[in-house]
Amino acid sequence: MSANQQLEAAPIEKVVIIGGGLVGGLCALLLVRAGIQPIVLDAAPELDTAILQRRDARVLALSPATISLLEQTGVWPHIQRKADYYGMQVWSRDGYGSLEFGKTDTTAPRTAQDLLGSMVEPGVLGLAIQHELKAQVQQYHTQVRVQGIEPFSDYWQITLNDGQQFNTALLIGADGANSLVRTMAGIGVDVLNYKQTAISCAIKTEKPHQQIARQVFLPTGPLAFLPMTDLALTDLDGDEPAGYWQSVVWTLPEQDAEELSQLSDSDFLAAITHASGHMLGQVIAVESRAAFPLAARQAERYVLPHLALIGDAAHVVHPLAGQGVNLGCLDAALLVDCLMRDAARGLWAHWQTLNRYEVKRRSHNSLMMHSFSALGWLQGSQLKAVQWLRSEGMHFVANNPLLLNIFTEQASGKSAIKDTRYYQF
């Protein structure tokens, strides 16, 4: 039998997902829930509970829609550490007025319906995702490397470094911002370099966060204090009272970030305390300082015949509102919903199905990307007219409950899945 005949005889799987992180893993679990067993190829190693013994400076701000999707796929009960938040405060240091979302009054009772989201460390979330992938996905492979992908008339062929091959009627690329799937498929990407750097770290403050996320817009860029959970499972915090640790994302011009990165811990504590305007008193401890350049990316196409991109493989947005990971989870939900709607009519990964997914998600993600870019420019501009405009705009929105509710609903992600099978609110 010739090589071509062997190739033709190889089985064509319904779907192969490259990438088993939050977005790829969620996509796989949604497919399993719909009765489709995917093959998941993940380059990452299998995690273990040792990650729970240390605090990660980074957190992912999960929206109510993302939390609901994780609940529906069985992941959420395995999240072993999280910090729910019920309020958000946003203001400009050189303006007046502030925006307050949710329940920022800590004396008022809070219910599950008041939840704005939850902050979860990536490793903690990854551990829960892997738990369910191992339990639900029959072919879940970790530490695998993709050597190449090749299109044929009605399927894609994936070749791994060890020579193993998979043929699939639908290849889903969920392999991150530097996606090999996107690159190997010849899909270009538009990049907007913000010429900014984000400093991330974990800090301990003099006053507790009270389950409120805070963000102040400085002339140099936004500074966010995001609630973190305490290391209750490890007792590393001893008898310290809960609620004093925050995850920081501080956006700065590249040169300013470089200078701050060179500071000693004591000088950095003084700098961030001053920059925050003592919003939670003194910043008294810092851990795990890191810096990373900021750029927005948008794939020129989200789909090709028998191929779809989701998550960071399709788009990367400014971390301004913490929506990047949530946009990726909405990609997964909308893609699977489109697939299953057409599967009910006897179609699988039809070109019109994939196009419908792209239309639904690319326009929405583009709007979010440009909105964040515009907001960052407005907040960073030193022009007096722009400063006046943003102050007046913030004051107007702050005094308009209808607009506040619209912004809150949009950030929740609920509207994006309202017409799908996953809307459970």
Protein backbone atom coordinates (compact mmCIF):
# COMPACT_ATOMS: atom_id res chain seq x y z
CA MET A 1 0.00 0.00 0.00
CA SER A 2 1.38 3.41 -0.97
CA ALA A 3 1.89 6.28 1.50
CA ASN A 4 -1.04 8.10 -0.10
CA GLN A 5 -3.29 5.07 0.34
CA GLN A 6 -2.22 4.77 3.97
CA LEU A 7 -3.03 8.44 4.45
CA GLU A 8 -6.45 8.03 2.86
CA ALA A 9 -7.17 5.04 5.11
CA ALA A 10 -6.29 6.92 8.31
CA PRO A 11 -9.33 7.89 10.41
CA ILE A 12 -10.55 11.46 10.30
CA GLU A 13 -11.36 12.63 13.81
CA LYS A 14 -14.23 15.06 14.34
CA VAL A 15 -12.14 17.62 16.19
CA VAL A 16 -8.59 18.12 17.42
CA ILE A 17 -7.80 21.00 19.77
CA ILE A 18 -4.21 22.22 20.02
CA GLY A 19 -3.84 23.90 23.40
CA GLY A 20 -5.28 22.68 26.69
CA GLY A 21 -5.25 25.82 28.82
CA LEU A 22 -8.34 27.61 30.05
CA VAL A 23 -9.82 28.40 26.63
CA GLY A 24 -8.83 25.18 24.85
CA GLY A 25 -9.76 23.09 27.86
CA LEU A 26 -13.12 24.80 28.23
CA CYS A 27 -13.82 24.27 24.52
CA ALA A 28 -13.02 20.56 24.88
CA LEU A 29 -15.27 20.16 27.92
CA LEU A 30 -18.15 21.98 26.21
CA LEU A 31 -17.81 19.57 23.29
CA VAL A 32 -17.85 16.58 25.64
CA ARG A 33 -20.96 17.99 27.29
CA ALA A 34 -22.55 18.09 23.81
CA GLY A 35 -21.62 14.47 23.11
CA ILE A 36 -18.46 15.06 21.05
CA GLN A 37 -15.14 13.55 22.18
CA PRO A 38 -12.27 15.80 21.02
CA ILE A 39 -8.57 15.03 20.94
CA VAL A 40 -6.64 17.57 23.02
CA LEU A 41 -2.94 18.13 22.33
CA ASP A 42 -1.31 20.30 24.98
CA ALA A 43 2.34 21.35 25.09
CA ALA A 44 2.15 22.14 28.82
CA PRO A 45 3.16 19.60 31.45
CA GLU A 46 0.74 18.04 33.88
CA LEU A 47 0.37 20.22 36.97
CA ASP A 48 0.44 19.04 40.56
CA THR A 49 -0.81 20.43 43.85
CA ALA A 50 2.61 21.93 44.65
CA ILE A 51 1.39 25.10 42.92
CA LEU A 52 -1.01 25.63 45.82
CA GLN A 53 1.94 26.09 48.17
CA ARG A 54 2.91 29.46 46.72
CA ARG A 55 1.18 32.70 45.82
CA ASP A 56 1.14 33.68 42.14
CA ALA A 57 1.36 37.44 41.62
CA ARG A 58 -0.92 37.19 38.60
CA VAL A 59 -4.66 36.66 38.74
CA LEU A 60 -7.29 36.20 36.06
CA ALA A 61 -10.44 38.28 36.55
CA LEU A 62 -13.17 35.79 35.64
CA SER A 63 -16.54 37.26 34.67
CA PRO A 64 -19.93 35.80 35.71
CA ALA A 65 -20.32 34.34 32.20
CA THR A 66 -16.95 32.59 32.40
CA ILE A 67 -17.74 31.30 35.90
CA SER A 68 -21.06 29.96 34.64
CA LEU A 69 -19.32 28.12 31.78
CA LEU A 70 -16.83 26.62 34.23
CA GLU A 71 -19.70 25.53 36.47
CA GLN A 72 -21.51 23.87 33.58
CA THR A 73 -18.41 21.89 32.60
CA GLY A 74 -17.63 20.71 36.13
CA VAL A 75 -14.46 22.78 36.56
CA TRP A 76 -15.58 25.38 39.09
CA PRO A 77 -15.99 23.02 42.10
CA HIS A 78 -12.30 22.08 41.74
CA ILE A 79 -11.05 25.67 42.03
CA GLN A 80 -9.18 25.42 45.32
CA ARG A 81 -8.43 29.12 45.81
CA LYS A 82 -10.23 32.21 44.56
CA ALA A 83 -11.10 35.76 45.57
CA ASP A 84 -14.65 36.82 44.75
CA TYR A 85 -15.25 40.53 44.30
CA TYR A 86 -18.52 42.42 44.50
CA GLY A 87 -17.51 45.98 43.68
CA MET A 88 -15.19 47.94 41.42
CA GLN A 89 -14.00 51.51 41.78
CA VAL A 90 -12.43 53.45 38.90
CA TRP A 91 -11.21 57.03 38.99
CA SER A 92 -8.65 59.45 37.50
CA ARG A 93 -6.08 61.04 39.75
CA ASP A 94 -6.21 64.35 37.85
CA GLY A 95 -10.00 64.43 37.36
CA TYR A 96 -13.10 64.46 39.47
CA GLY A 97 -15.80 61.93 40.06
CA SER A 98 -15.41 58.16 40.05
CA LEU A 99 -17.19 55.14 38.67
CA GLU A 100 -18.47 52.53 41.07
CA PHE A 101 -19.80 49.20 39.87
CA GLY A 102 -21.61 46.63 41.96
CA LYS A 103 -21.69 46.69 45.76
CA THR A 104 -18.91 48.97 46.96
CA ASP A 105 -20.75 49.72 50.20
CA THR A 106 -19.19 47.16 52.53
CA THR A 107 -21.85 47.71 55.18
CA ALA A 108 -24.62 46.49 52.85
CA PRO A 109 -25.37 42.75 52.56
CA ARG A 110 -24.01 40.96 49.48
CA THR A 111 -25.56 38.00 47.72
CA ALA A 112 -24.48 35.61 44.98
CA GLN A 113 -26.41 37.77 42.49
CA ASP A 114 -24.16 40.72 43.38
CA LEU A 115 -20.98 38.91 42.32
CA LEU A 116 -19.01 40.89 39.72
CA GLY A 117 -16.44 38.17 39.24
CA SER A 118 -13.68 36.17 40.84
CA MET A 119 -9.90 36.51 40.82
CA VAL A 120 -8.15 33.18 40.27
CA GLU A 121 -4.45 32.47 39.92
CA PRO A 122 -3.62 30.86 36.53
CA GLY A 123 -1.99 27.80 38.09
CA VAL A 124 -4.93 27.16 40.41
CA LEU A 125 -7.29 27.41 37.44
CA GLY A 126 -5.04 25.21 35.31
CA LEU A 127 -5.05 22.52 37.97
CA ALA A 128 -8.86 22.45 37.97
CA ILE A 129 -9.05 22.43 34.15
CA GLN A 130 -6.60 19.53 33.92
CA HIS A 131 -8.55 17.59 36.55
CA GLU A 132 -11.67 17.67 34.39
CA LEU A 133 -9.83 17.09 31.11
CA LYS A 134 -8.32 13.90 32.55
CA ALA A 135 -11.72 12.84 33.85
CA GLN A 136 -13.82 13.65 30.77
CA VAL A 137 -11.62 13.65 27.65
CA GLN A 138 -10.59 10.21 26.45
CA GLN A 139 -7.64 11.48 24.41
CA TYR A 140 -6.02 14.24 26.45
CA HIS A 141 -2.27 14.44 25.77
CA THR A 142 0.18 16.69 27.66
CA GLN A 143 3.77 17.64 26.83
CA VAL A 144 3.28 17.06 23.11
CA ARG A 145 4.91 19.19 20.45
CA VAL A 146 3.33 19.92 17.09
CA GLN A 147 5.81 19.73 14.24
CA GLY A 148 3.46 20.70 11.45
CA ILE A 149 -0.09 20.97 10.17
CA GLU A 150 -1.16 20.45 6.58
CA PRO A 151 -4.49 21.10 4.87
CA PHE A 152 -6.23 18.57 2.65
CA SER A 153 -9.53 18.90 0.81
CA ASP A 154 -11.78 18.08 3.77
CA TYR A 155 -9.47 17.75 6.77
CA TRP A 156 -6.21 18.88 8.39
CA GLN A 157 -3.33 16.60 9.21
CA ILE A 158 -1.35 17.27 12.41
CA THR A 159 2.14 15.80 12.78
CA LEU A 160 3.83 15.65 16.18
CA ASN A 161 7.57 15.71 16.87
CA ASP A 162 7.51 11.96 17.54
CA GLY A 163 6.01 11.32 14.12
CA GLN A 164 2.49 10.56 15.33
CA GLN A 165 -0.22 11.96 13.06
CA PHE A 166 -3.86 12.95 13.47
CA ASN A 167 -6.37 13.78 10.73
CA THR A 168 -9.31 15.95 11.72
CA ALA A 169 -12.38 17.49 10.12
CA LEU A 170 -11.95 20.45 12.49
CA LEU A 171 -8.70 21.80 13.87
CA ILE A 172 -9.12 24.31 16.71
CA GLY A 173 -6.12 26.48 17.55
CA ALA A 174 -6.14 27.46 21.22
CA ASP A 175 -2.39 27.66 21.64
CA GLY A 176 -1.91 31.22 22.79
CA ALA A 177 -0.68 34.56 21.50
CA ASN A 178 2.28 33.04 19.65
CA SER A 179 0.05 30.38 18.10
CA LEU A 180 1.83 27.79 15.97
CA VAL A 181 -1.52 26.82 14.48
CA ARG A 182 -2.10 30.38 13.29
CA THR A 183 1.44 30.69 11.93
CA MET A 184 1.53 27.29 10.23
CA ALA A 185 -1.91 27.91 8.70
CA GLY A 186 -0.56 31.11 7.13
CA ILE A 187 -2.95 33.44 8.95
CA GLY A 188 -1.49 36.90 9.41
CA VAL A 189 -1.84 39.00 12.53
CA ASP A 190 -2.23 42.74 13.03
CA VAL A 191 -0.16 44.06 15.95
CA LEU A 192 -0.60 47.33 17.82
CA ASN A 193 2.41 48.04 20.00
CA TYR A 194 1.29 50.23 22.89
CA LYS A 195 4.93 51.07 23.75
CA GLN A 196 3.95 50.37 27.33
CA THR A 197 5.04 47.82 29.90
CA ALA A 198 2.91 46.26 32.61
CA ILE A 199 4.49 45.63 35.99
CA SER A 200 2.82 42.81 37.87
CA CYS A 201 3.37 41.78 41.47
CA ALA A 202 1.59 40.71 44.62
CA ILE A 203 1.38 43.27 47.41
CA LYS A 204 0.17 43.42 50.98
CA THR A 205 -1.61 46.62 51.98
CA GLU A 206 -2.22 48.31 55.31
CA LYS A 207 -6.00 48.19 54.77
CA PRO A 208 -8.05 45.22 53.48
CA HIS A 209 -9.43 45.12 49.94
CA GLN A 210 -12.96 44.29 51.20
CA GLN A 211 -13.62 42.30 48.02
CA ILE A 212 -13.45 45.42 45.84
CA ALA A 213 -11.29 45.81 42.72
CA ARG A 214 -9.75 49.25 42.33
CA GLN A 215 -8.19 51.05 39.37
CA VAL A 216 -6.80 54.56 39.26
CA PHE A 217 -5.83 56.24 35.99
CA LEU A 218 -2.53 58.04 36.39
CA PRO A 219 -0.96 60.37 33.81
CA THR A 220 1.41 57.51 32.95
CA GLY A 221 -1.26 54.78 32.73
CA PRO A 222 -3.66 52.76 34.88
CA LEU A 223 -2.75 51.17 38.22
CA ALA A 224 -5.00 48.30 39.31
CA PHE A 225 -5.28 46.68 42.74
CA LEU A 226 -7.08 43.35 42.38
CA PRO A 227 -8.17 41.28 45.40
CA MET A 228 -6.24 38.08 46.02
CA THR A 229 -7.21 35.10 48.10
CA ASP A 230 -5.18 34.08 51.12
CA LEU A 231 -3.08 30.94 51.25
CA ALA A 232 -5.57 29.25 53.56
CA LEU A 233 -4.61 25.75 52.45
CA THR A 234 -0.93 26.14 53.30
CA ASP A 235 -0.92 28.36 56.39
CA LEU A 236 1.93 30.36 54.88
CA ASP A 237 0.19 33.49 56.08
CA GLY A 238 0.10 32.16 59.63
CA ASP A 239 -2.35 34.02 61.81
CA GLU A 240 -2.46 37.11 59.61
CA PRO A 241 -5.94 38.53 59.07
CA ALA A 242 -7.45 37.79 55.67
CA GLY A 243 -8.00 40.16 52.77
CA TYR A 244 -4.80 42.24 52.70
CA TRP A 245 -3.12 40.81 49.60
CA GLN A 246 -3.67 42.27 46.13
CA SER A 247 -2.48 41.50 42.64
CA VAL A 248 -1.10 44.59 40.90
CA VAL A 249 -1.12 45.46 37.21
CA TRP A 250 0.64 48.79 36.73
CA THR A 251 0.80 50.07 33.13
CA LEU A 252 3.62 52.49 32.37
CA PRO A 253 5.66 53.90 29.49
CA GLU A 254 8.52 51.54 28.73
CA GLN A 255 11.24 53.78 30.20
CA ASP A 256 9.31 54.43 33.43
CA ALA A 257 8.69 50.71 33.86
CA GLU A 258 12.37 49.95 33.34
CA GLU A 259 13.34 52.44 36.05
CA LEU A 260 10.77 51.06 38.50
CA SER A 261 11.93 47.52 37.83
CA GLN A 262 15.43 48.48 39.01
CA LEU A 263 14.23 49.76 42.39
CA SER A 264 14.83 47.87 45.61
CA ASP A 265 11.75 46.39 47.26
CA SER A 266 11.65 49.16 49.86
CA ASP A 267 11.86 51.90 47.23
CA PHE A 268 9.27 50.12 45.09
CA LEU A 269 6.89 49.94 48.07
CA ALA A 270 7.25 53.69 48.56
CA ALA A 271 6.70 54.35 44.84
CA ILE A 272 3.54 52.27 44.55
CA THR A 273 2.14 53.66 47.80
CA HIS A 274 2.60 57.19 46.44
CA ALA A 275 1.24 56.34 42.99
CA SER A 276 -1.87 54.74 44.49
CA GLY A 277 -2.61 57.84 46.55
CA HIS A 278 -2.63 55.64 49.66
CA MET A 279 -5.90 54.10 48.42
CA LEU A 280 -5.42 51.26 50.92
CA GLY A 281 -2.89 52.90 53.16
CA GLN A 282 0.75 51.90 53.02
CA VAL A 283 1.88 49.08 50.77
CA ILE A 284 3.90 47.01 53.24
CA ALA A 285 5.09 43.93 51.32
CA VAL A 286 5.73 42.87 47.74
CA GLU A 287 6.33 39.53 46.06
CA SER A 288 7.10 38.24 42.56
CA ARG A 289 7.73 41.44 40.64
CA ALA A 290 7.73 40.97 36.87
CA ALA A 291 7.34 43.12 33.76
CA PHE A 292 5.97 42.36 30.31
CA PRO A 293 5.51 44.50 27.18
CA LEU A 294 1.97 45.35 26.07
CA ALA A 295 0.64 44.92 22.56
CA ALA A 296 -2.74 44.18 21.03
CA ARG A 297 -3.01 41.44 18.40
CA GLN A 298 -5.81 40.46 16.07
CA ALA A 299 -5.65 37.56 13.63
CA GLU A 300 -6.58 38.60 10.10
CA ARG A 301 -8.92 35.61 10.00
CA TYR A 302 -10.37 33.50 12.79
CA VAL A 303 -11.27 30.65 10.42
CA LEU A 304 -10.15 28.72 7.36
CA PRO A 305 -11.87 25.68 5.91
CA HIS A 306 -11.94 23.09 8.72
CA LEU A 307 -9.94 25.34 11.08
CA ALA A 308 -10.87 27.86 13.79
CA LEU A 309 -8.84 30.02 16.18
CA ILE A 310 -10.02 30.85 19.70
CA GLY A 311 -8.64 32.82 22.63
CA ASP A 312 -5.23 34.47 22.45
CA ALA A 313 -4.51 32.62 19.20
CA ALA A 314 -7.19 34.86 17.66
CA HIS A 315 -6.81 38.07 19.69
CA VAL A 316 -4.90 39.70 22.51
CA VAL A 317 -6.29 42.85 24.12
CA HIS A 318 -4.95 45.44 26.55
CA PRO A 319 -5.21 44.19 30.17
CA LEU A 320 -7.01 47.43 31.06
CA ALA A 321 -10.31 45.79 32.04
CA GLY A 322 -9.08 42.24 32.57
CA GLN A 323 -11.30 40.98 29.76
CA GLY A 324 -8.81 39.02 27.64
CA VAL A 325 -9.39 35.61 29.19
CA ASN A 326 -13.15 36.16 29.27
CA LEU A 327 -13.25 37.02 25.58
CA GLY A 328 -11.46 33.73 24.90
CA CYS A 329 -13.98 31.75 26.94
CA LEU A 330 -16.80 33.41 25.00
CA ASP A 331 -15.04 32.35 21.78
CA ALA A 332 -15.13 28.74 22.96
CA ALA A 333 -18.80 28.93 23.92
CA LEU A 334 -19.92 30.61 20.69
CA LEU A 335 -17.88 28.24 18.51
CA VAL A 336 -19.31 25.11 20.15
CA ASP A 337 -22.83 26.56 20.07
CA CYS A 338 -22.51 27.25 16.32
CA LEU A 339 -21.11 23.77 15.73
CA MET A 340 -23.87 22.01 17.65
CA ARG A 341 -26.66 24.02 16.03
CA ASP A 342 -25.51 22.84 12.62
CA ALA A 343 -24.72 19.32 13.86
CA ALA A 344 -28.43 19.02 14.64
CA ARG A 345 -28.99 19.50 10.89
CA GLY A 346 -26.44 16.86 9.96
CA LEU A 347 -23.55 19.24 9.30
CA TRP A 348 -20.15 19.29 10.97
CA ALA A 349 -17.58 22.09 10.72
CA HIS A 350 -19.30 23.42 7.62
CA TRP A 351 -17.73 26.54 6.11
CA GLN A 352 -20.89 28.56 6.83
CA THR A 353 -20.77 27.40 10.46
CA LEU A 354 -17.21 28.60 10.91
CA ASN A 355 -17.96 31.86 9.14
CA ARG A 356 -20.90 32.47 11.47
CA TYR A 357 -18.60 32.00 14.45
CA GLU A 358 -16.08 34.46 12.99
CA VAL A 359 -18.75 37.09 12.32
CA LYS A 360 -20.12 36.78 15.85
CA ARG A 361 -16.77 36.97 17.62
CA ARG A 362 -14.37 39.00 15.47
CA SER A 363 -16.54 42.12 15.38
CA HIS A 364 -17.18 41.94 19.13
CA ASN A 365 -13.52 41.37 19.97
CA SER A 366 -12.45 44.18 17.63
CA LEU A 367 -14.82 46.56 19.35
CA MET A 368 -13.45 45.62 22.75
CA MET A 369 -9.86 45.94 21.55
CA HIS A 370 -10.35 49.41 20.06
CA SER A 371 -12.38 50.55 23.06
CA PHE A 372 -9.57 49.63 25.44
CA SER A 373 -7.02 51.35 23.20
CA ALA A 374 -9.13 54.51 23.00
CA LEU A 375 -9.76 54.53 26.73
CA GLY A 376 -6.06 54.15 27.43
CA TRP A 377 -5.30 57.11 25.15
CA LEU A 378 -8.01 59.26 26.73
CA GLN A 379 -6.75 58.52 30.23
CA GLY A 380 -3.13 59.08 29.32
CA SER A 381 -3.53 62.30 27.34
CA GLN A 382 -2.18 65.47 28.93
CA LEU A 383 -4.20 67.79 26.69
CA LYS A 384 -6.37 70.04 28.85
CA ALA A 385 -9.38 69.61 26.58
CA VAL A 386 -9.13 65.82 26.78
CA GLN A 387 -8.65 65.92 30.55
CA TRP A 388 -11.80 68.03 30.87
CA LEU A 389 -13.71 65.71 28.52
CA ARG A 390 -12.81 62.53 30.38
CA SER A 391 -13.63 64.09 33.76
CA GLU A 392 -17.01 65.27 32.51
CA GLY A 393 -17.64 61.90 30.88
CA MET A 394 -16.79 59.96 34.01
CA HIS A 395 -18.94 62.28 36.11
CA PHE A 396 -21.85 61.86 33.69
CA VAL A 397 -21.64 58.05 33.64
CA ALA A 398 -21.24 57.91 37.43
CA ASN A 399 -24.54 59.74 37.82
CA ASN A 400 -26.41 57.67 35.22
CA PRO A 401 -27.50 54.30 36.70
CA LEU A 402 -28.72 53.08 33.31
CA LEU A 403 -25.30 53.52 31.71
CA LEU A 404 -23.59 51.93 34.71
CA ASN A 405 -25.88 48.92 34.38
CA ILE A 406 -25.13 48.66 30.64
CA PHE A 407 -21.37 48.68 31.29
CA THR A 408 -21.72 46.13 34.08
CA GLU A 409 -23.82 43.83 31.90
CA GLN A 410 -21.31 44.07 29.05
CA ALA A 411 -18.39 43.29 31.34
CA SER A 412 -20.26 40.31 32.81
CA GLY A 413 -20.24 38.56 29.41
CA LYS A 414 -23.88 37.56 29.85
CA SER A 415 -25.11 39.39 26.75
CA ALA A 416 -22.63 37.51 24.52
CA ILE A 417 -24.09 34.11 25.43
CA LYS A 418 -27.69 35.20 25.86
CA ASP A 419 -28.86 33.47 22.68
CA THR A 420 -26.82 30.31 23.24
CA ARG A 421 -27.50 27.07 25.11
CA TYR A 422 -25.11 28.24 27.82
CA TYR A 423 -27.15 31.14 29.18
CA GLN A 424 -28.06 30.07 32.72
CA PHE A 425 -28.81 33.21 34.70
